[in-house]
Protein backbone atom coordinates (compact mmCIF):
# COMPACT_ATOMS: atom_id res chain seq x y z
CA MET A 1 -116.42 161.09 -17.27
CA SER A 2 -118.47 157.90 -17.00
CA GLU A 3 -121.65 156.61 -15.39
CA TYR A 4 -122.93 153.22 -14.29
CA LEU A 5 -126.00 151.54 -15.76
CA LEU A 6 -128.67 151.93 -13.10
CA GLN A 7 -131.34 149.63 -11.73
CA GLN A 8 -134.90 150.00 -13.02
CA THR A 9 -138.43 149.27 -11.87
CA LEU A 10 -141.95 149.96 -13.11
CA SER A 11 -143.31 153.49 -12.81
CA LYS A 12 -146.70 152.27 -11.57
CA ASP A 13 -148.81 149.14 -11.19
CA ALA A 14 -149.88 147.11 -14.22
CA LYS A 15 -152.88 144.77 -13.99
CA LEU A 16 -153.65 141.68 -16.06
CA SER A 17 -156.33 139.02 -15.80
CA GLY A 18 -157.55 135.92 -17.59
CA LYS A 19 -157.84 132.15 -17.32
CA THR A 20 -154.84 129.91 -16.69
CA LEU A 21 -153.73 127.31 -19.21
CA VAL A 22 -153.61 124.15 -17.09
CA TRP A 23 -156.52 124.50 -14.68
CA GLY A 24 -158.57 127.15 -16.46
CA LYS A 25 -158.84 129.23 -13.29
CA LYS A 26 -159.72 132.91 -13.50
CA THR A 27 -156.64 134.68 -12.20
CA SER A 28 -155.56 138.25 -11.56
CA VAL A 29 -151.94 139.41 -11.79
CA LYS A 30 -150.50 142.75 -10.78
CA LEU A 31 -146.99 143.85 -11.77
CA ARG A 32 -145.77 146.34 -9.17
CA PRO A 33 -142.78 148.66 -8.65
CA ALA A 34 -140.29 147.61 -5.97
CA PRO A 35 -137.50 149.33 -4.00
CA VAL A 36 -133.97 149.52 -5.31
CA GLY A 37 -131.98 146.38 -4.58
CA GLN A 38 -134.98 144.15 -3.89
CA GLY A 39 -134.91 142.05 -7.05
CA GLY A 40 -137.90 140.09 -8.32
CA ARG A 41 -140.56 138.46 -6.16
CA PHE A 42 -143.85 136.64 -6.61
CA VAL A 43 -146.48 137.44 -3.98
CA ARG A 44 -149.37 134.99 -3.51
CA THR A 45 -152.20 137.25 -2.39
CA ASP A 46 -154.40 134.17 -1.81
CA LEU A 47 -151.86 132.77 0.69
CA ASN A 48 -151.55 135.67 3.12
CA ASP A 49 -149.16 137.49 0.78
CA CYS A 50 -146.69 134.59 0.70
CA VAL A 51 -143.44 135.87 -0.88
CA ILE A 52 -141.43 133.68 -3.27
CA ASP A 53 -138.17 135.21 -4.46
CA VAL A 54 -137.06 134.93 -8.07
CA ASP A 55 -134.03 132.82 -7.17
CA HIS A 56 -132.52 129.64 -8.62
CA LYS A 57 -132.63 128.13 -5.12
CA ASN A 58 -136.45 128.15 -5.31
CA ILE A 59 -136.68 126.17 -8.57
CA THR A 60 -138.71 122.99 -8.12
CA LYS A 61 -139.66 120.12 -10.41
CA ALA A 62 -142.40 120.92 -12.92
CA TRP A 63 -143.79 119.63 -16.21
CA ARG A 64 -142.72 121.64 -19.25
CA CYS A 65 -142.36 124.94 -17.41
CA SER A 66 -140.45 126.73 -14.67
CA LYS A 67 -141.89 126.64 -11.18
CA LEU A 68 -140.77 128.38 -7.99
CA GLU A 69 -141.57 127.06 -4.54
CA ASN A 70 -140.71 127.65 -0.90
CA LYS A 71 -142.20 126.32 2.34
CA ASN A 72 -145.15 128.71 2.11
CA GLY A 73 -146.29 128.33 -1.49
CA SER A 74 -145.46 127.98 -5.16
CA VAL A 75 -146.12 129.52 -8.55
CA SER A 76 -145.71 127.84 -11.96
CA ILE A 77 -145.23 128.91 -15.58
CA VAL A 78 -143.19 131.92 -14.49
CA GLU A 79 -140.87 132.03 -17.52
CA HIS A 80 -142.85 134.36 -19.82
CA ALA A 81 -143.35 137.08 -17.23
CA LEU A 82 -139.69 136.85 -16.24
CA ALA A 83 -138.60 137.00 -19.87
CA ALA A 84 -140.57 140.24 -20.31
CA MET A 85 -138.91 141.72 -17.23
CA SER A 86 -135.49 140.68 -18.54
CA VAL A 87 -135.79 142.00 -22.09
CA LEU A 88 -137.07 145.34 -20.76
CA ASN A 89 -134.23 145.54 -18.18
CA ILE A 90 -136.47 145.57 -15.10
CA ASP A 91 -134.51 144.69 -11.95
CA ASN A 92 -136.91 145.27 -9.06
CA TYR A 93 -140.56 144.21 -9.09
CA ASP A 94 -143.31 142.33 -7.33
CA ILE A 95 -145.66 140.08 -9.26
CA GLU A 96 -148.82 139.70 -7.20
CA ILE A 97 -151.01 136.74 -8.13
CA ASP A 98 -154.12 135.23 -6.54
CA GLY A 99 -153.30 131.66 -7.52
CA GLY A 100 -150.49 129.20 -8.14
CA GLU A 101 -150.35 129.36 -11.95
CA MET A 102 -149.26 132.36 -13.99
CA LEU A 103 -151.34 133.49 -16.94
CA THR A 104 -150.26 132.25 -20.36
CA PHE A 105 -152.42 134.38 -22.68
CA ASP A 106 -151.40 133.67 -26.30
CA GLY A 107 -148.35 131.63 -25.29
CA SER A 108 -145.92 134.53 -25.63
CA ALA A 109 -144.46 137.21 -23.34
CA LYS A 110 -146.10 140.02 -25.29
CA PRO A 111 -148.99 140.76 -22.87
CA PHE A 112 -146.53 141.14 -19.99
CA ALA A 113 -144.19 143.33 -22.04
CA GLU A 114 -147.08 145.52 -23.19
CA ALA A 115 -148.26 145.97 -19.61
CA ILE A 116 -144.77 146.95 -18.45
CA MET A 117 -144.29 149.47 -21.24
CA LYS A 118 -147.74 150.97 -20.64
CA ALA A 119 -146.95 151.36 -16.93
CA GLY A 120 -143.61 152.96 -17.75
CA ILE A 121 -140.05 152.27 -16.63
CA GLU A 122 -138.37 154.22 -13.84
CA THR A 123 -134.62 154.51 -13.32
CA GLN A 124 -133.43 154.06 -9.73
CA ASP A 125 -130.39 155.43 -7.94
CA LYS A 126 -128.06 152.43 -7.64
CA PRO A 127 -126.02 150.53 -10.27
CA ARG A 128 -127.31 147.26 -11.70
CA THR A 129 -125.40 144.19 -10.57
CA PHE A 130 -124.50 141.84 -13.42
CA LEU A 131 -123.29 138.25 -13.38
CA LYS A 132 -120.42 137.79 -15.82
CA ILE A 133 -119.44 134.30 -16.94
CA LEU A 134 -115.68 133.71 -16.49
CA ARG A 135 -115.32 130.19 -17.85
CA PRO A 136 -117.46 127.75 -19.84
CA VAL A 137 -120.26 126.03 -17.98
CA GLY A 138 -122.28 123.40 -19.78
CA VAL A 139 -124.73 120.52 -19.58
CA ASP A 140 -124.51 117.74 -22.18
CA LEU A 141 -127.00 114.87 -21.98
CA GLN A 142 -125.09 112.94 -24.68
CA ASP A 143 -128.23 112.55 -26.81
CA GLY A 144 -127.94 115.75 -28.84
CA ARG A 145 -129.38 117.96 -26.11
CA LYS A 146 -126.86 120.36 -24.66
CA MET A 147 -126.56 123.90 -23.34
CA GLU A 148 -123.56 126.03 -22.44
CA LEU A 149 -122.73 129.46 -21.09
CA LEU A 150 -119.53 130.94 -22.51
CA PRO A 151 -117.57 134.08 -21.59
CA THR A 152 -118.01 137.07 -23.88
CA GLU A 153 -116.25 140.41 -24.25
CA ASP A 154 -119.37 142.15 -25.55
CA ASN A 155 -121.01 142.83 -22.16
CA ASN A 156 -124.38 141.59 -23.35
CA LEU A 157 -126.40 138.38 -23.43
CA SER A 158 -126.29 136.57 -26.75
CA VAL A 159 -128.57 133.55 -27.21
CA ASN A 160 -128.25 130.99 -30.02
CA PHE A 161 -130.95 128.33 -30.04
CA ASN A 162 -131.21 125.34 -32.41
CA ILE A 163 -134.13 122.92 -32.54
CA ASP A 164 -134.75 119.85 -34.69
CA PHE A 165 -138.09 118.10 -35.19
CA PRO A 166 -137.43 115.59 -37.99
CA HIS A 167 -140.87 113.98 -37.49
CA ILE A 168 -142.55 117.37 -38.05
CA PRO A 169 -141.13 118.58 -41.40
CA VAL A 170 -142.81 122.00 -41.24
CA ILE A 171 -140.76 122.72 -38.12
CA GLY A 172 -137.68 120.66 -38.98
CA LYS A 173 -134.46 122.42 -38.13
CA GLN A 174 -134.78 126.01 -36.94
CA GLN A 175 -132.37 128.49 -35.48
CA ALA A 176 -132.98 131.64 -33.48
CA ASN A 177 -130.50 134.29 -32.41
CA TYR A 178 -131.19 136.97 -29.86
CA ILE A 179 -128.76 139.62 -28.62
CA HIS A 180 -129.80 141.55 -25.55
CA SER A 181 -128.09 144.89 -25.00
CA TYR A 182 -128.06 146.21 -21.45
CA ASP A 183 -127.20 149.81 -22.28
CA THR A 184 -130.42 150.77 -24.07
CA ARG A 185 -134.07 151.17 -23.07
CA PRO A 186 -136.28 149.54 -25.75
CA ILE A 187 -138.55 151.99 -27.55
CA ASN A 188 -140.44 149.15 -29.18
CA MET A 189 -140.97 145.62 -27.93
CA PRO A 190 -138.24 143.21 -29.09
CA ASP A 191 -139.51 140.59 -31.54
CA ILE A 192 -138.66 137.76 -29.17
CA VAL A 193 -141.54 138.59 -26.81
CA ARG A 194 -144.06 137.85 -29.60
CA ALA A 195 -142.93 134.26 -30.18
CA ARG A 196 -145.63 131.82 -29.04
CA THR A 197 -145.38 128.38 -27.53
CA PHE A 198 -146.00 125.29 -29.66
CA GLY A 199 -146.82 121.61 -29.47
CA THR A 200 -147.00 118.61 -31.75
CA HIS A 201 -150.23 116.71 -32.32
CA GLY A 202 -149.84 113.31 -30.68
CA ASP A 203 -147.57 114.22 -27.78
CA LYS A 204 -148.92 113.95 -24.23
CA MET A 205 -149.97 117.57 -24.05
CA MET A 206 -152.28 117.08 -27.04
CA ARG A 207 -153.77 113.67 -26.09
CA LEU A 208 -157.34 114.45 -25.07
CA LYS A 209 -158.09 111.18 -23.26
CA TRP A 210 -154.88 111.39 -21.22
CA LEU A 211 -155.59 114.98 -20.19
CA GLN A 212 -159.22 114.12 -19.39
CA SER A 213 -158.01 111.37 -17.06
CA LEU A 214 -156.13 114.07 -15.12
CA GLY A 215 -159.06 116.46 -15.11
CA LEU A 216 -157.25 118.73 -17.57
CA LYS A 217 -159.57 118.91 -20.58
CA THR A 218 -159.51 122.70 -20.24
CA MET A 219 -155.78 122.59 -20.98
CA TYR A 220 -156.45 120.75 -24.24
CA ASP A 221 -159.09 123.29 -25.25
CA ARG A 222 -156.96 126.28 -24.26
CA PHE A 223 -153.89 125.06 -26.13
CA TRP A 224 -155.88 124.56 -29.30
CA GLU A 225 -157.21 128.09 -28.84
CA TYR A 226 -153.89 129.93 -28.60
CA GLY A 227 -150.88 127.68 -29.16
CA LEU A 228 -149.18 126.63 -32.36
CA ILE A 229 -149.98 122.95 -33.00
CA TYR A 230 -148.20 120.97 -35.69
CA ASP A 231 -148.54 117.49 -37.14
CA SER A 232 -146.38 115.42 -39.48
CA LYS A 233 -148.37 116.18 -42.64
CA SER A 234 -149.48 119.81 -42.74
CA ALA A 235 -147.40 122.65 -44.11
CA TYR A 236 -148.55 125.06 -41.38
CA PRO A 237 -149.90 124.92 -37.81
CA ILE A 238 -153.12 122.92 -37.93
CA ASN A 239 -154.96 125.33 -35.62
CA ASN A 240 -153.37 128.68 -36.43
CA THR A 241 -151.88 129.84 -39.73
CA ASP A 242 -150.75 133.33 -38.83
CA LEU A 243 -147.15 132.69 -37.89
CA HIS A 244 -145.40 135.75 -36.52
CA PHE A 245 -141.99 134.51 -37.71
CA ASP A 246 -140.74 131.71 -39.93
CA ASN A 247 -138.62 130.48 -37.01
CA GLU A 248 -141.23 131.17 -34.33
CA CYS A 249 -140.72 127.80 -32.63
CA ALA A 250 -136.99 128.32 -32.16
CA LEU A 251 -137.52 131.94 -31.14
CA HIS A 252 -139.99 130.89 -28.46
CA LYS A 253 -137.45 128.41 -27.10
CA ALA A 254 -134.96 131.28 -26.91
CA LEU A 255 -137.60 133.33 -25.07
CA ASP A 256 -138.04 130.53 -22.55
CA ALA A 257 -134.28 130.38 -22.03
CA VAL A 258 -134.11 134.13 -21.33
CA GLY A 259 -136.92 133.80 -18.79
CA ASP A 260 -135.28 130.81 -17.14
CA LEU A 261 -131.92 132.59 -16.88
CA ALA A 262 -133.69 135.33 -14.92
CA LEU A 263 -133.99 132.75 -12.15
CA SER A 264 -130.29 133.37 -11.52
CA GLY A 265 -131.36 136.63 -9.87
CA TYR A 266 -129.03 138.69 -12.08
CA PRO A 267 -128.80 139.95 -15.67
CA ILE A 268 -126.18 137.64 -17.19
CA ILE A 269 -123.26 138.62 -19.43
CA ALA A 270 -122.55 135.57 -21.55
CA GLN A 271 -122.95 133.69 -24.80
CA LEU A 272 -125.69 131.05 -24.38
CA ASN A 273 -125.70 128.18 -26.87
CA CYS A 274 -128.62 125.75 -26.85
CA GLU A 275 -129.17 122.54 -28.80
CA LYS A 276 -132.67 121.05 -28.49
CA THR A 277 -132.92 121.93 -24.81
CA SER A 278 -135.78 122.56 -22.39
CA HIS A 279 -136.60 124.24 -19.09
CA HIS A 280 -135.20 121.32 -17.11
CA ILE A 281 -131.82 121.57 -18.79
CA THR A 282 -131.63 125.31 -18.12
CA HIS A 283 -132.35 124.56 -14.47
CA MET A 284 -129.50 122.02 -14.48
CA LEU A 285 -127.22 124.63 -16.03
CA LEU A 286 -128.01 127.20 -13.33
CA LYS A 287 -127.33 124.64 -10.62
CA LYS A 288 -123.97 123.84 -12.19
CA LEU A 289 -123.15 127.53 -12.63
CA PHE A 290 -123.64 128.39 -8.97
CA ALA A 291 -121.95 125.22 -7.70
CA VAL A 292 -118.49 126.73 -8.33
CA GLU A 293 -117.80 130.36 -7.41
CA GLN A 294 -114.97 130.60 -9.92
CA ASN A 295 -117.47 130.22 -12.78
CA PHE A 296 -118.56 133.84 -12.54
CA CYS A 297 -118.09 137.22 -10.92
CA LEU A 298 -120.46 140.05 -10.05
CA GLY A 299 -119.99 143.64 -11.14
CA HIS A 300 -121.40 146.80 -12.68
CA LEU A 301 -121.38 148.13 -16.23
CA ARG A 302 -119.88 151.59 -16.67
CA LYS A 303 -120.63 153.65 -19.74
CA SER A 304 -118.41 156.45 -20.95
CA LYS A 305 -120.25 159.72 -21.55
CA ASN A 306 -118.03 160.53 -24.51
CA SER A 307 -118.30 157.21 -26.35
CA THR A 308 -120.42 154.08 -26.68
CA LYS A 309 -117.87 151.95 -24.82
CA ILE A 310 -119.21 149.82 -21.97
CA THR A 311 -116.82 148.50 -19.34
CA PHE A 312 -117.41 145.76 -16.77
CA VAL A 313 -116.22 146.68 -13.29
CA GLY A 314 -116.03 143.81 -10.81
CA ILE A 315 -117.21 144.17 -7.22
């Protein structure tokens, strides 16, 4: 006897609120259950309930984040909320928001994951549909930045992320590995959701005069409040010494990659290797993935009741 891994949603609504990172706007977010087979959606309650599907076709250009847009509206900095949905195996959900910028909180996905787990997770009555990589798909910018999706026999998502900041010795070279199993429901939050975003003192995001010229001083203040900021001399973040992990920078980049892969619209079965990459490169990878149908196939995961074996069944 065997059974398929089933779709999941939230058991009830989860509410969050706060000020956004870029514009400092007070914003309310509600994570809501959704019907089986719907997938993920953002709903702009301030734009007559404009619906924006979590779909790679809706990715639009943005600065240092992932942004979704259609003819009716947009929403930016979606990657942390989507990463939380992914690591907790949530398939169907609405994210209602009364503005165009998602909340960032402490720069991690932890607040979203906590809200989901507090609301509870409900199993639905149809199998999950997975996207399985059949052949290597990669993006190589020929400057050390590259990303590739490789086939795997393990029926999970394995992420390997390497970063290198030679001008910031305290960061230097870091590596993060994350293996996401689809056949378990997390009892505790995975460590990856706690990894916070970071910046380096002197880059554009931390130049006060440049941000002031754009009317974004609040972004400077907010990032100093919650982010991890490094410079070339200090042996620890110059605004925050309580690192959650020694490789927190690399682990956050892996978190971003997991959230960005959710824009495919499917849980992905693959090995993901990343070298010094960013949101934009993940977007390029998704575009290349879906450009050729032979790169992947869709299917379900079937679990034997008498063993731990998981089998992929194409559809």
